[in-house]
Amino acid sequence: MKKMSESKRNSLILGIVALAVFLGLSVFFFFDKPGIPLGWLAGSVIAIVAYLTIVLSSYFLIDSQNQASRIGYVILFNVVRLLLYGGILTLSALCTFYWKNKWLNFWSTFAGVIPMPIILAIISLSNKIKTIKDKAEEKKDE
């Protein structure tokens, strides 16, 4: 796991968390409430794809030579993220409140979208702490 890039490692951790919670919520399939685990899965997948758009936009920003194209990429990927979040939440709200469909729950979809940025913040903080400790150990060795 050390040889993986940070973005791949973060994506893998997000996927593992999403899958673990989905498996924990899969008991609701037996209670005839499939919208809860499926909503979590939908929200988590959209959050992971949104994270990947952030990573992709950073690659485009670094590689792009033209200032106007950099601004265009930033706008494009922000609009894509907004459409992803808005689309899945609108679809799940329609399924839950308007169509009274049991296959996609709004609240579990919302809950699937929310924790991913928090998990990323925790991962980034732990990486920062690890880097600071490594630098402190290097200074002790000198």
N, C-alpha and C. Protein backbone atom coordinates (compact mmCIF):
# COMPACT_ATOMS: atom_id res chain seq x y z
N MET A 1 0.83 -1.20 0.00
CA MET A 1 0.00 0.00 0.00
C MET A 1 0.87 1.26 0.00
N LYS A 2 2.15 1.11 0.37
CA LYS A 2 3.02 2.27 0.38
C LYS A 2 3.39 2.73 -1.02
N LYS A 3 3.46 1.81 -1.99
CA LYS A 3 3.87 2.18 -3.33
C LYS A 3 2.74 2.82 -4.12
N MET A 4 1.52 2.75 -3.64
CA MET A 4 0.40 3.37 -4.33
C MET A 4 0.48 4.89 -4.17
N SER A 5 -0.02 5.59 -5.18
CA SER A 5 -0.09 7.04 -5.04
C SER A 5 -1.13 7.39 -3.99
N GLU A 6 -1.03 8.60 -3.50
CA GLU A 6 -1.94 9.02 -2.43
C GLU A 6 -3.39 9.01 -2.88
N SER A 7 -3.64 9.42 -4.11
CA SER A 7 -5.02 9.45 -4.61
C SER A 7 -5.59 8.04 -4.76
N LYS A 8 -4.78 7.10 -5.22
CA LYS A 8 -5.24 5.71 -5.33
C LYS A 8 -5.48 5.11 -3.95
N ARG A 9 -4.59 5.40 -3.02
CA ARG A 9 -4.76 4.89 -1.65
C ARG A 9 -6.03 5.46 -1.01
N ASN A 10 -6.26 6.76 -1.20
CA ASN A 10 -7.47 7.37 -0.66
C ASN A 10 -8.72 6.79 -1.30
N SER A 11 -8.68 6.57 -2.61
CA SER A 11 -9.83 5.97 -3.30
C SER A 11 -10.10 4.57 -2.78
N LEU A 12 -9.04 3.81 -2.55
CA LEU A 12 -9.19 2.46 -2.02
C LEU A 12 -9.80 2.48 -0.62
N ILE A 13 -9.33 3.38 0.23
CA ILE A 13 -9.88 3.49 1.58
C ILE A 13 -11.35 3.89 1.55
N LEU A 14 -11.69 4.86 0.69
CA LEU A 14 -13.09 5.27 0.55
C LEU A 14 -13.95 4.11 0.07
N GLY A 15 -13.44 3.34 -0.88
CA GLY A 15 -14.18 2.18 -1.37
C GLY A 15 -14.38 1.12 -0.31
N ILE A 16 -13.35 0.88 0.49
CA ILE A 16 -13.45 -0.12 1.56
C ILE A 16 -14.47 0.31 2.60
N VAL A 17 -14.44 1.59 2.98
CA VAL A 17 -15.41 2.10 3.96
C VAL A 17 -16.83 2.00 3.40
N ALA A 18 -17.00 2.40 2.15
CA ALA A 18 -18.33 2.35 1.53
C ALA A 18 -18.84 0.92 1.47
N LEU A 19 -17.98 -0.02 1.09
CA LEU A 19 -18.38 -1.42 0.99
C LEU A 19 -18.68 -2.02 2.35
N ALA A 20 -17.87 -1.66 3.36
CA ALA A 20 -18.09 -2.20 4.70
C ALA A 20 -19.43 -1.72 5.28
N VAL A 21 -19.74 -0.45 5.11
CA VAL A 21 -21.01 0.07 5.62
C VAL A 21 -22.17 -0.53 4.82
N PHE A 22 -21.99 -0.68 3.51
CA PHE A 22 -23.04 -1.30 2.69
C PHE A 22 -23.31 -2.73 3.16
N LEU A 23 -22.26 -3.47 3.43
CA LEU A 23 -22.46 -4.84 3.93
C LEU A 23 -23.14 -4.84 5.29
N GLY A 24 -22.81 -3.87 6.13
CA GLY A 24 -23.48 -3.75 7.42
C GLY A 24 -24.96 -3.39 7.28
N LEU A 25 -25.26 -2.55 6.30
CA LEU A 25 -26.64 -2.15 6.08
C LEU A 25 -27.44 -3.15 5.26
N SER A 26 -26.78 -4.14 4.69
CA SER A 26 -27.47 -5.10 3.82
C SER A 26 -28.50 -5.94 4.58
N VAL A 27 -28.46 -5.90 5.90
CA VAL A 27 -29.48 -6.60 6.69
C VAL A 27 -30.88 -6.02 6.41
N PHE A 28 -30.94 -4.76 5.96
CA PHE A 28 -32.23 -4.14 5.66
C PHE A 28 -32.91 -4.76 4.44
N PHE A 29 -32.16 -5.49 3.62
CA PHE A 29 -32.79 -6.22 2.52
C PHE A 29 -33.78 -7.25 3.05
N PHE A 30 -33.46 -7.83 4.21
CA PHE A 30 -34.33 -8.85 4.80
C PHE A 30 -35.57 -8.24 5.45
N PHE A 31 -35.54 -6.96 5.76
CA PHE A 31 -36.68 -6.27 6.35
C PHE A 31 -37.50 -5.52 5.30
N ASP A 32 -37.30 -5.84 4.04
CA ASP A 32 -38.01 -5.24 2.92
C ASP A 32 -37.82 -3.72 2.86
N LYS A 33 -36.60 -3.28 3.17
CA LYS A 33 -36.23 -1.87 3.07
C LYS A 33 -34.92 -1.76 2.29
N PRO A 34 -34.95 -2.12 0.99
CA PRO A 34 -33.69 -2.11 0.22
C PRO A 34 -33.16 -0.72 -0.08
N GLY A 35 -33.98 0.30 0.12
CA GLY A 35 -33.54 1.66 -0.18
C GLY A 35 -32.45 2.16 0.74
N ILE A 36 -32.38 1.61 1.94
CA ILE A 36 -31.37 2.08 2.89
C ILE A 36 -29.96 1.68 2.44
N PRO A 37 -29.68 0.39 2.20
CA PRO A 37 -28.32 0.07 1.73
C PRO A 37 -28.05 0.56 0.31
N LEU A 38 -29.06 0.53 -0.55
CA LEU A 38 -28.85 1.01 -1.92
C LEU A 38 -28.64 2.52 -1.96
N GLY A 39 -29.31 3.24 -1.08
CA GLY A 39 -29.09 4.68 -0.98
C GLY A 39 -27.68 4.99 -0.50
N TRP A 40 -27.23 4.25 0.50
CA TRP A 40 -25.86 4.43 0.98
C TRP A 40 -24.86 4.16 -0.14
N LEU A 41 -25.09 3.07 -0.87
CA LEU A 41 -24.18 2.71 -1.96
C LEU A 41 -24.18 3.78 -3.05
N ALA A 42 -25.35 4.27 -3.41
CA ALA A 42 -25.43 5.32 -4.44
C ALA A 42 -24.71 6.59 -3.99
N GLY A 43 -24.95 7.01 -2.76
CA GLY A 43 -24.29 8.21 -2.24
C GLY A 43 -22.79 8.03 -2.14
N SER A 44 -22.35 6.86 -1.73
CA SER A 44 -20.92 6.61 -1.60
C SER A 44 -20.23 6.57 -2.95
N VAL A 45 -20.86 5.95 -3.92
CA VAL A 45 -20.28 5.89 -5.27
C VAL A 45 -20.15 7.29 -5.85
N ILE A 46 -21.17 8.10 -5.67
CA ILE A 46 -21.12 9.48 -6.18
C ILE A 46 -20.04 10.27 -5.45
N ALA A 47 -19.88 10.07 -4.14
CA ALA A 47 -18.84 10.77 -3.40
C ALA A 47 -17.45 10.35 -3.86
N ILE A 48 -17.27 9.08 -4.16
CA ILE A 48 -15.97 8.60 -4.65
C ILE A 48 -15.70 9.16 -6.04
N VAL A 49 -16.70 9.17 -6.90
CA VAL A 49 -16.53 9.74 -8.24
C VAL A 49 -16.24 11.24 -8.14
N ALA A 50 -16.88 11.92 -7.20
CA ALA A 50 -16.61 13.35 -7.00
C ALA A 50 -15.17 13.55 -6.53
N TYR A 51 -14.68 12.68 -5.67
CA TYR A 51 -13.28 12.76 -5.25
C TYR A 51 -12.35 12.56 -6.45
N LEU A 52 -12.69 11.61 -7.30
CA LEU A 52 -11.86 11.36 -8.48
C LEU A 52 -11.87 12.55 -9.44
N THR A 53 -12.99 13.30 -9.50
CA THR A 53 -13.00 14.50 -10.33
C THR A 53 -12.07 15.57 -9.75
N ILE A 54 -11.96 15.61 -8.43
CA ILE A 54 -11.01 16.54 -7.80
C ILE A 54 -9.58 16.17 -8.18
N VAL A 55 -9.28 14.87 -8.10
CA VAL A 55 -7.94 14.40 -8.45
C VAL A 55 -7.64 14.67 -9.92
N LEU A 56 -8.61 14.37 -10.78
CA LEU A 56 -8.44 14.58 -12.21
C LEU A 56 -8.26 16.06 -12.53
N SER A 57 -9.02 16.90 -11.87
CA SER A 57 -8.87 18.34 -12.14
C SER A 57 -7.51 18.85 -11.68
N SER A 58 -6.97 18.29 -10.61
CA SER A 58 -5.63 18.72 -10.18
C SER A 58 -4.58 18.29 -11.19
N TYR A 59 -4.74 17.11 -11.79
CA TYR A 59 -3.80 16.70 -12.84
C TYR A 59 -3.89 17.63 -14.04
N PHE A 60 -5.10 17.99 -14.44
CA PHE A 60 -5.26 18.90 -15.56
C PHE A 60 -4.70 20.28 -15.25
N LEU A 61 -4.84 20.73 -14.01
CA LEU A 61 -4.31 22.04 -13.65
C LEU A 61 -2.79 22.06 -13.70
N ILE A 62 -2.17 20.97 -13.28
CA ILE A 62 -0.71 20.91 -13.28
C ILE A 62 -0.16 20.79 -14.71
N ASP A 63 -0.81 19.97 -15.54
CA ASP A 63 -0.31 19.70 -16.88
C ASP A 63 -0.65 20.77 -17.90
N SER A 64 -1.66 21.56 -17.65
CA SER A 64 -2.12 22.53 -18.64
C SER A 64 -1.15 23.70 -18.73
N GLN A 65 -0.86 24.13 -19.96
CA GLN A 65 0.05 25.25 -20.19
C GLN A 65 -0.69 26.58 -20.29
N ASN A 66 -1.93 26.54 -20.72
CA ASN A 66 -2.69 27.75 -20.98
C ASN A 66 -3.52 28.13 -19.76
N GLN A 67 -3.45 29.38 -19.33
CA GLN A 67 -4.19 29.84 -18.16
C GLN A 67 -5.70 29.74 -18.36
N ALA A 68 -6.17 30.03 -19.57
CA ALA A 68 -7.61 29.98 -19.85
C ALA A 68 -8.12 28.54 -19.76
N SER A 69 -7.34 27.59 -20.23
CA SER A 69 -7.79 26.20 -20.14
C SER A 69 -7.79 25.72 -18.69
N ARG A 70 -6.89 26.22 -17.87
CA ARG A 70 -6.89 25.86 -16.44
C ARG A 70 -8.20 26.30 -15.78
N ILE A 71 -8.60 27.52 -16.06
CA ILE A 71 -9.85 28.04 -15.49
C ILE A 71 -11.03 27.24 -16.02
N GLY A 72 -10.98 26.89 -17.29
CA GLY A 72 -12.04 26.08 -17.88
C GLY A 72 -12.16 24.72 -17.21
N TYR A 73 -11.01 24.08 -16.92
CA TYR A 73 -11.05 22.78 -16.24
C TYR A 73 -11.61 22.89 -14.83
N VAL A 74 -11.23 23.94 -14.13
CA VAL A 74 -11.75 24.14 -12.77
C VAL A 74 -13.27 24.29 -12.81
N ILE A 75 -13.74 25.10 -13.71
CA ILE A 75 -15.19 25.32 -13.83
C ILE A 75 -15.89 24.03 -14.23
N LEU A 76 -15.33 23.32 -15.21
CA LEU A 76 -15.94 22.08 -15.69
C LEU A 76 -16.07 21.05 -14.57
N PHE A 77 -15.00 20.81 -13.85
CA PHE A 77 -15.04 19.78 -12.82
C PHE A 77 -15.89 20.19 -11.62
N ASN A 78 -15.95 21.48 -11.31
CA ASN A 78 -16.86 21.92 -10.25
C ASN A 78 -18.31 21.74 -10.66
N VAL A 79 -18.63 22.02 -11.92
CA VAL A 79 -19.99 21.82 -12.40
C VAL A 79 -20.34 20.33 -12.41
N VAL A 80 -19.38 19.50 -12.82
CA VAL A 80 -19.63 18.05 -12.83
C VAL A 80 -19.91 17.55 -11.41
N ARG A 81 -19.13 18.01 -10.44
CA ARG A 81 -19.37 17.59 -9.04
C ARG A 81 -20.74 18.05 -8.56
N LEU A 82 -21.08 19.28 -8.87
CA LEU A 82 -22.39 19.81 -8.48
C LEU A 82 -23.52 19.00 -9.10
N LEU A 83 -23.37 18.66 -10.38
CA LEU A 83 -24.39 17.86 -11.06
C LEU A 83 -24.47 16.44 -10.48
N LEU A 84 -23.34 15.87 -10.13
CA LEU A 84 -23.35 14.53 -9.53
C LEU A 84 -24.10 14.54 -8.20
N TYR A 85 -23.71 15.46 -7.31
CA TYR A 85 -24.38 15.53 -6.00
C TYR A 85 -25.85 15.89 -6.15
N GLY A 86 -26.13 16.91 -6.94
CA GLY A 86 -27.52 17.33 -7.12
C GLY A 86 -28.36 16.26 -7.80
N GLY A 87 -27.78 15.57 -8.77
CA GLY A 87 -28.52 14.54 -9.49
C GLY A 87 -28.90 13.36 -8.61
N ILE A 88 -27.95 12.85 -7.84
CA ILE A 88 -28.27 11.67 -7.01
C ILE A 88 -29.21 12.05 -5.87
N LEU A 89 -29.03 13.24 -5.30
CA LEU A 89 -29.93 13.64 -4.22
C LEU A 89 -31.34 13.95 -4.75
N THR A 90 -31.43 14.52 -5.94
CA THR A 90 -32.75 14.76 -6.54
C THR A 90 -33.44 13.45 -6.87
N LEU A 91 -32.69 12.52 -7.48
CA LEU A 91 -33.27 11.23 -7.82
C LEU A 91 -33.73 10.48 -6.57
N SER A 92 -32.91 10.49 -5.53
CA SER A 92 -33.32 9.78 -4.31
C SER A 92 -34.48 10.49 -3.62
N ALA A 93 -34.54 11.82 -3.70
CA ALA A 93 -35.68 12.54 -3.11
C ALA A 93 -36.96 12.23 -3.87
N LEU A 94 -36.87 12.16 -5.19
CA LEU A 94 -38.04 11.77 -5.97
C LEU A 94 -38.50 10.36 -5.63
N CYS A 95 -37.54 9.44 -5.51
CA CYS A 95 -37.90 8.05 -5.18
C CYS A 95 -38.53 7.95 -3.79
N THR A 96 -38.01 8.70 -2.85
CA THR A 96 -38.49 8.60 -1.47
C THR A 96 -39.80 9.34 -1.25
N PHE A 97 -39.88 10.58 -1.67
CA PHE A 97 -41.01 11.42 -1.29
C PHE A 97 -42.10 11.51 -2.35
N TYR A 98 -41.75 11.50 -3.61
CA TYR A 98 -42.74 11.71 -4.65
C TYR A 98 -43.31 10.39 -5.16
N TRP A 99 -42.42 9.48 -5.56
CA TRP A 99 -42.87 8.22 -6.12
C TRP A 99 -43.15 7.16 -5.06
N LYS A 100 -42.75 7.41 -3.81
CA LYS A 100 -42.91 6.47 -2.69
C LYS A 100 -42.28 5.11 -3.03
N ASN A 101 -41.14 5.16 -3.69
CA ASN A 101 -40.43 3.97 -4.11
C ASN A 101 -39.52 3.50 -2.98
N LYS A 102 -39.43 2.21 -2.77
CA LYS A 102 -38.63 1.69 -1.67
C LYS A 102 -37.19 1.38 -2.07
N TRP A 103 -36.81 1.62 -3.33
CA TRP A 103 -35.51 1.19 -3.82
C TRP A 103 -34.39 2.20 -3.63
N LEU A 104 -34.71 3.44 -3.31
CA LEU A 104 -33.67 4.44 -3.09
C LEU A 104 -34.16 5.40 -2.01
N ASN A 105 -33.49 5.43 -0.89
CA ASN A 105 -33.87 6.25 0.25
C ASN A 105 -33.06 7.54 0.25
N PHE A 106 -33.75 8.68 0.36
CA PHE A 106 -33.07 9.97 0.34
C PHE A 106 -32.10 10.12 1.50
N TRP A 107 -32.53 9.76 2.70
CA TRP A 107 -31.70 9.99 3.89
C TRP A 107 -30.45 9.13 3.90
N SER A 108 -30.56 7.91 3.43
CA SER A 108 -29.35 7.09 3.39
C SER A 108 -28.43 7.51 2.24
N THR A 109 -29.00 8.04 1.16
CA THR A 109 -28.16 8.58 0.08
C THR A 109 -27.41 9.81 0.59
N PHE A 110 -28.12 10.67 1.30
CA PHE A 110 -27.48 11.84 1.89
C PHE A 110 -26.39 11.41 2.87
N ALA A 111 -26.68 10.39 3.67
CA ALA A 111 -25.68 9.88 4.62
C ALA A 111 -24.50 9.25 3.91
N GLY A 112 -24.70 8.72 2.72
CA GLY A 112 -23.60 8.15 1.96
C GLY A 112 -22.69 9.20 1.36
N VAL A 113 -23.23 10.36 1.08
CA VAL A 113 -22.43 11.45 0.49
C VAL A 113 -21.62 12.17 1.56
N ILE A 114 -22.17 12.35 2.73
CA ILE A 114 -21.56 13.19 3.76
C ILE A 114 -20.24 12.67 4.33
N PRO A 115 -20.11 11.39 4.70
CA PRO A 115 -18.90 10.98 5.41
C PRO A 115 -17.62 10.96 4.58
N MET A 116 -17.73 10.91 3.27
CA MET A 116 -16.52 10.76 2.46
C MET A 116 -15.56 11.94 2.61
N PRO A 117 -16.00 13.20 2.58
CA PRO A 117 -15.05 14.29 2.82
C PRO A 117 -14.45 14.25 4.23
N ILE A 118 -15.23 13.79 5.19
CA ILE A 118 -14.72 13.67 6.56
C ILE A 118 -13.63 12.61 6.63
N ILE A 119 -13.85 11.48 5.95
CA ILE A 119 -12.84 10.43 5.91
C ILE A 119 -11.58 10.93 5.23
N LEU A 120 -11.74 11.67 4.14
CA LEU A 120 -10.57 12.23 3.46
C LEU A 120 -9.81 13.21 4.35
N ALA A 121 -10.53 14.00 5.13
CA ALA A 121 -9.87 14.93 6.05
C ALA A 121 -9.09 14.17 7.12
N ILE A 122 -9.64 13.09 7.63
CA ILE A 122 -8.94 12.28 8.63
C ILE A 122 -7.69 11.65 8.02
N ILE A 123 -7.81 11.13 6.80
CA ILE A 123 -6.65 10.52 6.12
C ILE A 123 -5.56 11.57 5.91
N SER A 124 -5.94 12.74 5.45
CA SER A 124 -4.96 13.81 5.20
C SER A 124 -4.29 14.25 6.50
N LEU A 125 -5.06 14.36 7.56
CA LEU A 125 -4.50 14.74 8.85
C LEU A 125 -3.52 13.69 9.36
N SER A 126 -3.87 12.41 9.22
CA SER A 126 -2.95 11.37 9.68
C SER A 126 -1.68 11.35 8.84
N ASN A 127 -1.80 11.60 7.52
CA ASN A 127 -0.60 11.69 6.67
C ASN A 127 0.28 12.86 7.08
N LYS A 128 -0.33 13.97 7.41
CA LYS A 128 0.42 15.16 7.84
C LYS A 128 1.15 14.89 9.15
N ILE A 129 0.47 14.25 10.09
CA ILE A 129 1.10 13.92 11.38
C ILE A 129 2.26 12.97 11.17
N LYS A 130 2.07 11.97 10.29
CA LYS A 130 3.12 11.01 10.01
C LYS A 130 4.34 11.70 9.39
N THR A 131 4.10 12.65 8.49
CA THR A 131 5.19 13.39 7.86
C THR A 131 5.95 14.21 8.89
N ILE A 132 5.24 14.86 9.79
CA ILE A 132 5.89 15.66 10.83
C ILE A 132 6.73 14.77 11.74
N LYS A 133 6.22 13.60 12.11
CA LYS A 133 6.98 12.68 12.95
C LYS A 133 8.22 12.17 12.23
N ASP A 134 8.09 11.88 10.94
CA ASP A 134 9.25 11.41 10.17
C ASP A 134 10.33 12.48 10.10
N LYS A 135 9.94 13.73 9.89
CA LYS A 135 10.92 14.82 9.85
C LYS A 135 11.58 15.02 11.20
N ALA A 136 10.82 14.87 12.27
CA ALA A 136 11.39 15.00 13.62
C ALA A 136 12.40 13.89 13.89
N GLU A 137 12.11 12.67 13.44
CA GLU A 137 13.04 11.56 13.62
C GLU A 137 14.31 11.77 12.79
N GLU A 138 14.17 12.33 11.59
CA GLU A 138 15.33 12.60 10.76
C GLU A 138 16.24 13.64 11.41
N LYS A 139 15.66 14.64 12.06
CA LYS A 139 16.46 15.66 12.74
C LYS A 139 17.18 15.07 13.96
N LYS A 140 16.53 14.10 14.63
CA LYS A 140 17.18 13.45 15.78
C LYS A 140 18.38 12.65 15.33
N ASP A 141 18.25 12.00 14.18
CA ASP A 141 19.33 11.16 13.66
C ASP A 141 20.54 11.98 13.23
N GLU A 142 20.34 13.22 12.86
CA GLU A 142 21.45 14.07 12.40
C GLU A 142 22.23 14.56 13.53
